[in-house]
Amino acid sequence: MDYVDGFVLAVATDKREDYRKCAEEGAVLFKEFGALSVVECWGEDVPDGKLTSFPMSVKLEPGEVVVFSWIRWPSKQVRDEGMKKAMADERMKNMSMPFDGNRMIFGGFQVIVDA
């Protein structure tokens, strides 16, 4: 069964193009190391919540937008191996990340429904 890495992060609005370029470069690496697809989504309708919300989860600051992303892998094993290779790759190590990684939330998920 497929496996998905999910990410939510905050990016400065004026860094959209920088983020898009970084995401495209990252997608090349992840796909090279086994990912089936990489999807990056720029927030447009992401409301504040009273108890929880995407903006609250990343401590969104003025002038920032929520980005929601996922990487689809054929299995957790392929993901574990591919992610390890990507993180060790010099291209990833030299990549400039136009966001605060300390406020990124992420996790790995087993797909249980794919309709």
C-alpha atoms as a PDB file:
ATOM      1  CA  MET A   1       0.000   0.000   0.000  1.00  0.00           C
ATOM      2  CA  ASP A   2       1.240   3.517  -0.791  1.00  0.00           C
ATOM      3  CA  TYR A   3       2.811   5.726   1.849  1.00  0.00           C
ATOM      4  CA  VAL A   4       2.555   9.529   2.137  1.00  0.00           C
ATOM      5  CA  ASP A   5       4.753  12.117   3.813  1.00  0.00           C
ATOM      6  CA  GLY A   6       2.682  15.194   4.679  1.00  0.00           C
ATOM      7  CA  PHE A   7       3.946  18.695   5.463  1.00  0.00           C
ATOM      8  CA  VAL A   8       2.449  21.992   6.627  1.00  0.00           C
ATOM      9  CA  LEU A   9       4.639  25.085   6.800  1.00  0.00           C
ATOM     10  CA  ALA A  10       4.617  28.866   6.675  1.00  0.00           C
ATOM     11  CA  VAL A  11       6.261  30.789   3.829  1.00  0.00           C
ATOM     12  CA  ALA A  12       6.557  34.551   3.450  1.00  0.00           C
ATOM     13  CA  THR A  13       4.245  35.766   0.708  1.00  0.00           C
ATOM     14  CA  ASP A  14       7.111  37.516  -1.060  1.00  0.00           C
ATOM     15  CA  LYS A  15       9.083  34.236  -1.098  1.00  0.00           C
ATOM     16  CA  ARG A  16       6.514  32.345  -3.191  1.00  0.00           C
ATOM     17  CA  GLU A  17       8.716  32.055  -6.282  1.00  0.00           C
ATOM     18  CA  ASP A  18      11.772  31.111  -4.189  1.00  0.00           C
ATOM     19  CA  TYR A  19       9.702  28.415  -2.495  1.00  0.00           C
ATOM     20  CA  ARG A  20       8.323  27.141  -5.805  1.00  0.00           C
ATOM     21  CA  LYS A  21      11.852  26.770  -7.196  1.00  0.00           C
ATOM     22  CA  CYS A  22      13.050  25.018  -4.037  1.00  0.00           C
ATOM     23  CA  ALA A  23      10.033  22.688  -4.157  1.00  0.00           C
ATOM     24  CA  GLU A  24      10.689  21.822  -7.808  1.00  0.00           C
ATOM     25  CA  GLU A  25      14.330  21.017  -7.044  1.00  0.00           C
ATOM     26  CA  GLY A  26      13.276  18.876  -4.092  1.00  0.00           C
ATOM     27  CA  ALA A  27      10.689  17.072  -6.208  1.00  0.00           C
ATOM     28  CA  VAL A  28      13.383  16.061  -8.696  1.00  0.00           C
ATOM     29  CA  LEU A  29      15.391  14.496  -5.872  1.00  0.00           C
ATOM     30  CA  PHE A  30      12.470  12.717  -4.218  1.00  0.00           C
ATOM     31  CA  LYS A  31      11.306  11.283  -7.534  1.00  0.00           C
ATOM     32  CA  GLU A  32      14.857  10.240  -8.390  1.00  0.00           C
ATOM     33  CA  PHE A  33      14.901   8.284  -5.121  1.00  0.00           C
ATOM     34  CA  GLY A  34      11.543   6.550  -5.566  1.00  0.00           C
ATOM     35  CA  ALA A  35       8.690   8.995  -4.924  1.00  0.00           C
ATOM     36  CA  LEU A  36       5.656   8.559  -7.158  1.00  0.00           C
ATOM     37  CA  SER A  37       4.602  12.208  -6.939  1.00  0.00           C
ATOM     38  CA  VAL A  38       5.254  15.440  -5.078  1.00  0.00           C
ATOM     39  CA  VAL A  39       2.476  18.000  -4.574  1.00  0.00           C
ATOM     40  CA  GLU A  40       2.972  21.538  -3.235  1.00  0.00           C
ATOM     41  CA  CYS A  41      -0.082  23.715  -2.480  1.00  0.00           C
ATOM     42  CA  TRP A  42      -0.057  27.470  -1.755  1.00  0.00           C
ATOM     43  CA  GLY A  43      -2.805  28.373   0.733  1.00  0.00           C
ATOM     44  CA  GLU A  44      -5.733  30.464  -0.491  1.00  0.00           C
ATOM     45  CA  ASP A  45      -8.656  29.585   1.785  1.00  0.00           C
ATOM     46  CA  VAL A  46      -7.013  28.695   5.099  1.00  0.00           C
ATOM     47  CA  PRO A  47      -9.116  30.131   7.932  1.00  0.00           C
ATOM     48  CA  ASP A  48      -7.982  30.793  11.480  1.00  0.00           C
ATOM     49  CA  GLY A  49      -9.481  28.426  14.002  1.00  0.00           C
ATOM     50  CA  LYS A  50     -10.674  28.816  17.571  1.00  0.00           C
ATOM     51  CA  LEU A  51      -8.966  25.704  18.957  1.00  0.00           C
ATOM     52  CA  THR A  52      -6.845  24.410  16.072  1.00  0.00           C
ATOM     53  CA  SER A  53      -6.088  25.379  12.494  1.00  0.00           C
ATOM     54  CA  PHE A  54      -3.383  25.259   9.872  1.00  0.00           C
ATOM     55  CA  PRO A  55      -2.314  28.864  10.674  1.00  0.00           C
ATOM     56  CA  MET A  56      -2.099  28.049  14.385  1.00  0.00           C
ATOM     57  CA  SER A  57      -0.153  24.854  13.755  1.00  0.00           C
ATOM     58  CA  VAL A  58       2.722  26.715  12.064  1.00  0.00           C
ATOM     59  CA  LYS A  59       2.436  29.892  14.160  1.00  0.00           C
ATOM     60  CA  LEU A  60       1.618  31.879  11.038  1.00  0.00           C
ATOM     61  CA  GLU A  61       2.943  35.429  11.142  1.00  0.00           C
ATOM     62  CA  PRO A  62       1.733  38.499   9.221  1.00  0.00           C
ATOM     63  CA  GLY A  63       2.919  38.405   5.620  1.00  0.00           C
ATOM     64  CA  GLU A  64       3.042  34.596   5.509  1.00  0.00           C
ATOM     65  CA  VAL A  65       0.880  31.937   3.891  1.00  0.00           C
ATOM     66  CA  VAL A  66       0.305  28.282   4.794  1.00  0.00           C
ATOM     67  CA  VAL A  67       1.778  25.704   2.410  1.00  0.00           C
ATOM     68  CA  PHE A  68       0.395  22.156   2.400  1.00  0.00           C
ATOM     69  CA  SER A  69       2.466  19.475   0.687  1.00  0.00           C
ATOM     70  CA  TRP A  70       2.772  15.751   0.313  1.00  0.00           C
ATOM     71  CA  ILE A  71       5.046  13.175  -1.232  1.00  0.00           C
ATOM     72  CA  ARG A  72       3.549   9.888  -2.355  1.00  0.00           C
ATOM     73  CA  TRP A  73       5.732   6.771  -2.194  1.00  0.00           C
ATOM     74  CA  PRO A  74       4.980   3.183  -3.261  1.00  0.00           C
ATOM     75  CA  SER A  75       5.692   1.903   0.284  1.00  0.00           C
ATOM     76  CA  LYS A  76       7.132   2.919   3.641  1.00  0.00           C
ATOM     77  CA  GLN A  77      10.284   0.956   2.842  1.00  0.00           C
ATOM     78  CA  VAL A  78      10.836   2.898  -0.400  1.00  0.00           C
ATOM     79  CA  ARG A  79      10.108   6.114   1.500  1.00  0.00           C
ATOM     80  CA  ASP A  80      12.592   5.316   4.271  1.00  0.00           C
ATOM     81  CA  GLU A  81      15.324   4.485   1.761  1.00  0.00           C
ATOM     82  CA  GLY A  82      14.473   7.369  -0.590  1.00  0.00           C
ATOM     83  CA  MET A  83      14.243   9.981   2.158  1.00  0.00           C
ATOM     84  CA  LYS A  84      17.576   8.857   3.594  1.00  0.00           C
ATOM     85  CA  LYS A  85      19.220   9.157   0.165  1.00  0.00           C
ATOM     86  CA  ALA A  86      17.619  12.558  -0.499  1.00  0.00           C
ATOM     87  CA  MET A  87      18.713  14.002   2.853  1.00  0.00           C
ATOM     88  CA  ALA A  88      22.290  12.770   2.279  1.00  0.00           C
ATOM     89  CA  ASP A  89      22.445  14.144  -1.266  1.00  0.00           C
ATOM     90  CA  GLU A  90      24.666  17.203  -1.738  1.00  0.00           C
ATOM     91  CA  ARG A  91      21.966  18.891  -3.829  1.00  0.00           C
ATOM     92  CA  MET A  92      19.609  18.784  -0.835  1.00  0.00           C
ATOM     93  CA  LYS A  93      22.301  19.863   1.611  1.00  0.00           C
ATOM     94  CA  ASN A  94      23.115  22.900  -0.559  1.00  0.00           C
ATOM     95  CA  MET A  95      19.482  23.871  -1.151  1.00  0.00           C
ATOM     96  CA  SER A  96      18.357  27.185   0.319  1.00  0.00           C
ATOM     97  CA  MET A  97      15.099  26.691   2.239  1.00  0.00           C
ATOM     98  CA  PRO A  98      12.993  29.883   2.065  1.00  0.00           C
ATOM     99  CA  PHE A  99      11.002  29.087   5.230  1.00  0.00           C
ATOM    100  CA  ASP A 100      11.480  28.473   8.948  1.00  0.00           C
ATOM    101  CA  GLY A 101      11.905  24.719   9.270  1.00  0.00           C
ATOM    102  CA  ASN A 102      11.343  24.945  13.037  1.00  0.00           C
ATOM    103  CA  ARG A 103       7.681  25.743  12.409  1.00  0.00           C
ATOM    104  CA  MET A 104       7.116  22.998   9.818  1.00  0.00           C
ATOM    105  CA  ILE A 105       4.972  20.073  10.891  1.00  0.00           C
ATOM    106  CA  PHE A 106       5.313  16.738   9.132  1.00  0.00           C
ATOM    107  CA  GLY A 107       4.523  13.075   9.406  1.00  0.00           C
ATOM    108  CA  GLY A 108       4.375   9.796   7.531  1.00  0.00           C
ATOM    109  CA  PHE A 109       1.043   8.121   6.786  1.00  0.00           C
ATOM    110  CA  GLN A 110      -0.081   4.763   5.469  1.00  0.00           C
ATOM    111  CA  VAL A 111      -2.773   5.192   2.816  1.00  0.00           C
ATOM    112  CA  ILE A 112      -5.950   3.369   3.897  1.00  0.00           C
ATOM    113  CA  VAL A 113      -8.432   4.760   1.344  1.00  0.00           C
ATOM    114  CA  ASP A 114      -7.625   5.844  -2.211  1.00  0.00           C
ATOM    115  CA  ALA A 115     -10.901   6.455  -4.004  1.00  0.00           C
END
